[in-house]
Amino acid sequence: MNQNKKFLYDYSHIDFSNTTSKKDILVLLIQHDKDSFNYSFNTAAFNYAIAKELGVDDPTDLRLMFESGLFHDTGKLGMIPEFINFPGSYTLMMYNEMKKHAQGGSEILEKVNADIEIVEAAKYHHCNIDGSGYPGGLYGKEIPLSARITRISDSLDAYLSKRCYKEGGPAKEALDDLKQYTGTSYDEELIKCFEAIHNQIMKECHLIGEDRPSQKMYMHFLVRLYLYDFPVKNAKHILELF
């Protein structure tokens, strides 16, 4: 295959006559790239926690925020795994193709009649609060809440997780890493919500004598503190939710 053609964005291989529900999309995501799916579960868990700290308490609304994180990278179905896990720097062509996953994900989710909050999170989760990012055209609160929350949660998981091209960042410093982009990349109110979450997690870690927790420990306390009332606690059992 021509090197450039390998990295063209395309989801035409999805048979939408047999892909008609969110569960069908989840199955495709798990089969396509399991690591990416696991990252999306982490993003979903952060979404749920941030929404709770924001004051969202209706179970239906909280689940929508969770699913907004879970499905935010649906568009990566249009990127071959070799593209998703490319270990080096993208060329300009590859970067421009990669950006299509935001629009592509929203289109895929629309085809299975996903809730508008989930569709919007997929489309706008790379939009920055200062109007930059992609696909662009939105500023501040014009960006839907589900996308503004997912923007933070996705960045958190990207910071914490070891990827083929980087080591994971220290969980203790996750808040400091994000705070430097408050008001440019991230909504200030939502960063304050994450600050409360982070401080609570670090307090729990300190109580057991661990002040530099691993990502695994950090996520353990996130789930214990904030997803105690959610029916699924890990990516392994996610299909049971649908």
Protein backbone atom coordinates (compact mmCIF):
# COMPACT_ATOMS: atom_id res chain seq x y z
CA MET A 1 0.00 0.00 0.00
CA ASN A 2 1.26 3.48 -0.84
CA GLN A 3 2.62 5.08 2.36
CA ASN A 4 0.38 8.14 2.00
CA LYS A 5 -2.73 6.09 1.22
CA LYS A 6 -2.26 4.13 4.47
CA PHE A 7 -2.83 7.33 6.38
CA LEU A 8 -5.91 8.63 4.57
CA TYR A 9 -8.97 9.02 6.78
CA ASP A 10 -11.81 6.72 5.71
CA TYR A 11 -14.67 5.00 7.55
CA SER A 12 -16.45 3.69 4.44
CA HIS A 13 -15.61 0.13 5.54
CA ILE A 14 -18.27 0.34 8.27
CA ASP A 15 -21.44 -1.50 7.23
CA PHE A 16 -24.20 0.63 8.71
CA SER A 17 -26.85 -1.91 7.71
CA ASN A 18 -25.37 -4.10 10.47
CA THR A 19 -24.13 -1.28 12.72
CA THR A 20 -27.23 0.33 14.14
CA SER A 21 -26.61 0.98 17.84
CA LYS A 22 -24.10 2.43 20.27
CA LYS A 23 -23.30 -1.11 21.42
CA ASP A 24 -22.42 -2.05 17.84
CA ILE A 25 -20.06 0.95 17.73
CA LEU A 26 -18.46 -0.14 21.01
CA VAL A 27 -17.81 -3.61 19.64
CA LEU A 28 -16.15 -2.07 16.59
CA LEU A 29 -14.01 0.21 18.77
CA ILE A 30 -12.84 -2.68 20.97
CA GLN A 31 -11.99 -4.80 17.93
CA HIS A 32 -10.30 -1.94 16.09
CA ASP A 33 -7.85 -0.83 18.76
CA LYS A 34 -8.31 -2.11 22.30
CA ASP A 35 -5.75 0.25 23.85
CA SER A 36 -7.58 3.28 22.41
CA PHE A 37 -10.83 1.90 23.79
CA ASN A 38 -9.30 1.54 27.26
CA TYR A 39 -8.14 5.17 27.07
CA SER A 40 -11.70 6.16 26.23
CA PHE A 41 -12.99 4.39 29.35
CA ASN A 42 -10.59 6.49 31.43
CA THR A 43 -11.85 9.62 29.68
CA ALA A 44 -15.42 8.55 30.45
CA ALA A 45 -14.59 8.05 34.14
CA PHE A 46 -13.05 11.53 34.37
CA ASN A 47 -16.10 12.98 32.60
CA TYR A 48 -18.40 11.42 35.17
CA ALA A 49 -16.35 12.75 38.07
CA ILE A 50 -16.05 16.27 36.66
CA ALA A 51 -19.78 16.40 35.97
CA LYS A 52 -20.47 15.37 39.56
CA GLU A 53 -18.17 18.07 40.91
CA LEU A 54 -19.95 20.57 38.65
CA GLY A 55 -23.20 19.71 40.40
CA VAL A 56 -24.79 17.36 37.87
CA ASP A 57 -26.74 14.82 39.92
CA ASP A 58 -29.37 13.40 37.60
CA PRO A 59 -28.34 9.79 36.75
CA THR A 60 -29.40 10.20 33.12
CA ASP A 61 -27.32 13.35 32.68
CA LEU A 62 -24.33 11.78 34.41
CA ARG A 63 -24.53 8.76 32.14
CA LEU A 64 -24.63 11.07 29.12
CA MET A 65 -21.41 12.69 30.29
CA PHE A 66 -19.86 9.26 30.81
CA GLU A 67 -20.88 8.11 27.34
CA SER A 68 -19.64 11.38 25.85
CA GLY A 69 -16.18 10.38 27.04
CA LEU A 70 -16.59 6.75 26.09
CA PHE A 71 -17.50 7.54 22.47
CA HIS A 72 -15.40 10.69 21.97
CA ASP A 73 -12.86 8.94 19.73
CA THR A 74 -15.37 6.97 17.67
CA GLY A 75 -13.94 8.72 14.62
CA LYS A 76 -10.71 6.75 15.01
CA LEU A 77 -12.56 3.91 13.30
CA GLY A 78 -11.52 5.79 10.16
CA MET A 79 -7.83 5.50 11.05
CA ILE A 80 -5.96 2.22 10.69
CA PRO A 81 -4.28 1.02 13.93
CA GLU A 82 -0.86 1.75 12.44
CA PHE A 83 -1.98 5.37 12.05
CA ILE A 84 -3.48 5.61 15.56
CA ASN A 85 -0.32 4.18 17.12
CA PHE A 86 2.21 5.88 14.88
CA PRO A 87 5.39 6.19 17.02
CA GLY A 88 6.90 9.30 15.42
CA SER A 89 5.85 12.82 14.58
CA TYR A 90 3.01 13.18 12.10
CA THR A 91 3.69 14.76 8.75
CA LEU A 92 1.46 17.72 7.88
CA MET A 93 -0.59 15.43 5.64
CA MET A 94 -1.04 12.89 8.44
CA TYR A 95 -1.99 15.61 10.92
CA ASN A 96 -4.64 16.99 8.57
CA GLU A 97 -6.05 13.49 8.02
CA MET A 98 -6.03 12.74 11.75
CA LYS A 99 -8.08 15.87 12.48
CA LYS A 100 -10.90 14.38 10.39
CA HIS A 101 -11.65 11.91 13.19
CA ALA A 102 -13.64 14.60 15.06
CA GLN A 103 -16.10 15.20 12.23
CA GLY A 104 -16.03 11.53 11.26
CA GLY A 105 -16.90 10.43 14.77
CA SER A 106 -19.88 12.74 14.95
CA GLU A 107 -21.15 11.43 11.60
CA ILE A 108 -20.78 7.79 12.69
CA LEU A 109 -22.64 8.47 15.94
CA GLU A 110 -25.40 10.35 14.14
CA LYS A 111 -25.94 7.27 11.97
CA VAL A 112 -26.80 5.21 15.06
CA ASN A 113 -28.96 8.00 16.53
CA ALA A 114 -26.71 8.71 19.51
CA ASP A 115 -27.73 11.49 21.89
CA ILE A 116 -26.76 14.99 20.82
CA GLU A 117 -24.40 15.41 23.81
CA ILE A 118 -22.42 12.36 22.67
CA VAL A 119 -22.33 13.52 19.05
CA GLU A 120 -21.19 17.00 20.09
CA ALA A 121 -18.44 15.63 22.34
CA ALA A 122 -17.04 13.61 19.44
CA LYS A 123 -17.15 16.59 17.10
CA TYR A 124 -15.87 19.34 19.40
CA HIS A 125 -13.58 17.67 21.97
CA HIS A 126 -10.51 19.24 20.33
CA CYS A 127 -11.98 22.75 20.47
CA ASN A 128 -10.18 25.08 22.87
CA ILE A 129 -11.95 27.57 25.11
CA ASP A 130 -10.05 30.46 23.42
CA GLY A 131 -11.51 29.57 20.02
CA SER A 132 -8.49 27.66 18.71
CA GLY A 133 -8.29 23.94 18.10
CA TYR A 134 -10.35 22.01 15.55
CA PRO A 135 -12.78 21.99 13.83
CA GLY A 136 -12.90 25.54 15.22
CA GLY A 137 -15.54 28.23 14.96
CA LEU A 138 -16.64 28.03 18.62
CA TYR A 139 -15.48 30.06 21.61
CA GLY A 140 -15.99 29.70 25.35
CA LYS A 141 -19.45 28.53 26.38
CA GLU A 142 -20.39 28.18 22.69
CA ILE A 143 -18.59 24.84 22.95
CA PRO A 144 -21.12 22.28 24.28
CA LEU A 145 -20.62 21.24 27.89
CA SER A 146 -20.03 17.58 27.00
CA ALA A 147 -17.19 18.64 24.69
CA ARG A 148 -15.66 21.09 27.21
CA ILE A 149 -15.58 18.37 29.86
CA THR A 150 -14.23 15.79 27.42
CA ARG A 151 -11.50 18.22 26.32
CA ILE A 152 -10.13 18.08 29.87
CA SER A 153 -10.70 14.36 30.45
CA ASP A 154 -9.09 13.36 27.17
CA SER A 155 -6.05 15.50 27.97
CA LEU A 156 -5.82 13.96 31.44
CA ASP A 157 -5.75 10.45 30.08
CA ALA A 158 -3.24 11.44 27.39
CA TYR A 159 -1.02 12.93 30.10
CA LEU A 160 -1.24 9.96 32.46
CA SER A 161 -1.09 7.08 29.99
CA LYS A 162 2.00 5.49 28.51
CA ARG A 163 1.71 5.55 24.73
CA CYS A 164 3.91 4.15 21.98
CA TYR A 165 5.51 7.58 21.59
CA LYS A 166 5.85 8.65 25.27
CA GLU A 167 5.94 7.61 28.90
CA GLY A 168 3.02 8.40 31.18
CA GLY A 169 3.24 11.58 33.22
CA PRO A 170 3.37 11.47 37.04
CA ALA A 171 -0.17 11.48 38.42
CA LYS A 172 0.83 13.83 41.25
CA GLU A 173 1.51 16.56 38.66
CA ALA A 174 -1.61 16.07 36.53
CA LEU A 175 -3.33 19.14 37.93
CA ASP A 176 -0.32 21.39 37.42
CA ASP A 177 0.02 20.17 33.84
CA LEU A 178 -3.55 21.17 33.00
CA LYS A 179 -3.72 24.40 35.01
CA GLN A 180 -1.11 26.07 32.82
CA TYR A 181 -3.62 25.96 29.94
CA THR A 182 -6.63 27.25 31.89
CA GLY A 183 -8.45 29.89 29.86
CA THR A 184 -6.71 28.90 26.63
CA SER A 185 -7.38 25.18 26.17
CA TYR A 186 -9.67 24.55 29.12
CA ASP A 187 -12.74 26.00 30.81
CA GLU A 188 -11.66 27.57 34.13
CA GLU A 189 -14.77 26.42 36.01
CA LEU A 190 -14.22 22.82 34.90
CA ILE A 191 -10.53 22.92 35.83
CA LYS A 192 -11.63 23.95 39.33
CA CYS A 193 -13.87 20.87 39.35
CA PHE A 194 -10.92 18.69 38.41
CA GLU A 195 -8.79 20.39 41.06
CA ALA A 196 -11.26 19.23 43.72
CA ILE A 197 -11.14 15.69 42.28
CA HIS A 198 -7.35 15.64 42.12
CA ASN A 199 -6.95 16.91 45.68
CA GLN A 200 -9.36 14.30 47.00
CA ILE A 201 -7.53 11.50 45.17
CA MET A 202 -4.15 12.67 46.43
CA LYS A 203 -5.54 12.87 49.97
CA GLU A 204 -6.64 9.23 49.75
CA CYS A 205 -3.23 8.23 48.39
CA HIS A 206 -1.49 10.08 51.22
CA LEU A 207 -3.57 8.22 53.80
CA ILE A 208 -2.10 4.92 52.63
CA GLY A 209 1.41 6.33 52.52
CA GLU A 210 1.69 6.91 48.76
CA ASP A 211 2.37 10.47 47.63
CA ARG A 212 3.45 9.62 44.07
CA PRO A 213 0.69 7.26 42.91
CA SER A 214 0.82 5.28 39.71
CA GLN A 215 -1.84 5.86 37.07
CA LYS A 216 -3.45 2.59 38.17
CA MET A 217 -3.72 3.73 41.79
CA TYR A 218 -4.91 7.20 40.75
CA MET A 219 -7.69 5.72 38.60
CA HIS A 220 -8.59 3.25 41.36
CA PHE A 221 -9.34 6.10 43.74
CA LEU A 222 -11.13 8.10 41.04
CA VAL A 223 -13.52 5.19 40.48
CA ARG A 224 -13.94 4.50 44.20
CA LEU A 225 -14.65 8.13 45.06
CA TYR A 226 -16.83 9.13 42.11
CA LEU A 227 -18.16 6.07 40.24
CA TYR A 228 -19.35 4.18 43.32
CA ASP A 229 -22.95 4.59 42.10
CA PHE A 230 -22.24 3.70 38.46
CA PRO A 231 -23.05 0.15 37.30
CA VAL A 232 -19.71 -0.42 35.52
CA LYS A 233 -16.33 0.18 37.16
CA ASN A 234 -13.88 -0.86 34.43
CA ALA A 235 -13.49 -1.22 30.68
CA LYS A 236 -13.66 -5.02 30.84
CA HIS A 237 -17.37 -4.99 31.64
CA ILE A 238 -18.42 -1.99 29.58
CA LEU A 239 -20.65 -3.92 27.18
CA GLU A 240 -22.89 -4.83 30.14
CA LEU A 241 -23.92 -1.17 30.21
CA PHE A 242 -25.69 -1.57 26.87
